[in-house]
Amino acid sequence: MDIVKTRKQGNSVMVTIASKFDVPEGKIYYITQEADGTISLIPKVEDYFAGAKMNEYIDKEDDLAREFTVESGTLDE
């Protein structure tokens, strides 16, 4: 496990990430902090389905949704 130390830079506190983690420069991350102080960085994905092939993410539940129809009426009928 690696250890890092925070440092002050202007009004911010910085954490340096070692190059072995292959974090690209300029990458955007969402940052969250849990109640116990754990900080998570989650990379922003520009378009999750950009490289998807036609019907690649279709499964049986999607087929059920396609066949779903809405009928109007009242509960008393």
Protein backbone atom coordinates (compact mmCIF):
# COMPACT_ATOMS: atom_id res chain seq x y z
CA MET A 1 0.00 0.00 0.00
CA ASP A 2 1.34 3.43 -0.92
CA ILE A 3 1.29 6.40 1.42
CA VAL A 4 0.84 10.02 0.34
CA LYS A 5 0.97 13.25 2.28
CA THR A 6 -1.28 16.23 1.61
CA ARG A 7 0.23 19.65 0.95
CA LYS A 8 -1.22 23.16 0.90
CA GLN A 9 -1.29 25.04 -2.42
CA GLY A 10 -3.11 28.37 -2.26
CA ASN A 11 -6.58 27.76 -0.83
CA SER A 12 -6.49 24.05 -1.73
CA VAL A 13 -5.01 20.91 -0.24
CA MET A 14 -3.27 18.71 -2.83
CA VAL A 15 -2.61 14.98 -2.97
CA THR A 16 -0.01 13.71 -5.44
CA ILE A 17 -0.85 10.48 -7.26
CA ALA A 18 2.14 8.38 -8.32
CA SER A 19 2.68 7.84 -12.06
CA LYS A 20 2.42 4.06 -11.58
CA PHE A 21 -1.36 4.55 -11.24
CA ASP A 22 -1.43 5.79 -14.85
CA VAL A 23 -3.75 8.76 -14.16
CA PRO A 24 -3.74 10.95 -17.28
CA GLU A 25 -3.22 14.70 -17.02
CA GLY A 26 -6.42 16.73 -17.45
CA LYS A 27 -8.77 13.79 -16.71
CA ILE A 28 -11.99 14.84 -14.96
CA TYR A 29 -13.07 13.01 -11.78
CA TYR A 30 -16.07 13.19 -9.50
CA ILE A 31 -14.96 13.36 -5.88
CA THR A 32 -16.93 12.15 -2.87
CA GLN A 33 -16.19 11.95 0.83
CA GLU A 34 -17.83 9.40 3.12
CA ALA A 35 -18.76 10.02 6.75
CA ASP A 36 -15.65 8.10 7.86
CA GLY A 37 -13.39 10.43 5.82
CA THR A 38 -12.79 8.06 2.89
CA ILE A 39 -12.31 10.04 -0.32
CA SER A 40 -13.15 8.44 -3.67
CA LEU A 41 -12.27 9.68 -7.15
CA ILE A 42 -14.59 8.41 -9.90
CA PRO A 43 -13.52 9.08 -13.50
CA LYS A 44 -16.05 10.90 -15.64
CA VAL A 45 -17.07 8.83 -18.67
CA GLU A 46 -17.91 11.05 -21.63
CA ASP A 47 -20.21 8.59 -23.42
CA TYR A 48 -20.48 5.11 -21.96
CA PHE A 49 -22.18 3.74 -25.08
CA ALA A 50 -20.03 5.51 -27.71
CA GLY A 51 -18.35 2.28 -28.84
CA ALA A 52 -21.40 0.03 -28.45
CA LYS A 53 -22.51 -2.18 -31.30
CA MET A 54 -26.15 -2.40 -32.32
CA ASN A 55 -28.17 -4.43 -29.75
CA GLU A 56 -25.07 -5.11 -27.61
CA TYR A 57 -26.84 -4.10 -24.41
CA ILE A 58 -30.20 -5.76 -25.13
CA ASP A 59 -31.38 -8.57 -22.85
CA LYS A 60 -34.63 -10.41 -22.02
CA GLU A 61 -35.86 -7.59 -19.76
CA ASP A 62 -35.57 -5.13 -22.65
CA ASP A 63 -37.70 -7.43 -24.79
CA LEU A 64 -40.39 -7.37 -22.08
CA ALA A 65 -40.35 -3.57 -22.08
CA ARG A 66 -40.80 -3.44 -25.87
CA GLU A 67 -43.97 -5.55 -25.64
CA PHE A 68 -45.43 -3.47 -22.78
CA THR A 69 -48.67 -1.63 -23.55
CA VAL A 70 -50.61 0.80 -21.41
CA GLU A 71 -54.36 0.35 -21.09
CA SER A 72 -56.55 3.12 -19.77
CA GLY A 73 -59.49 2.59 -17.48
CA THR A 74 -60.62 3.00 -13.92
CA LEU A 75 -60.11 0.74 -10.93
CA ASP A 76 -63.87 0.15 -10.72
CA GLU A 77 -64.07 -1.67 -14.05
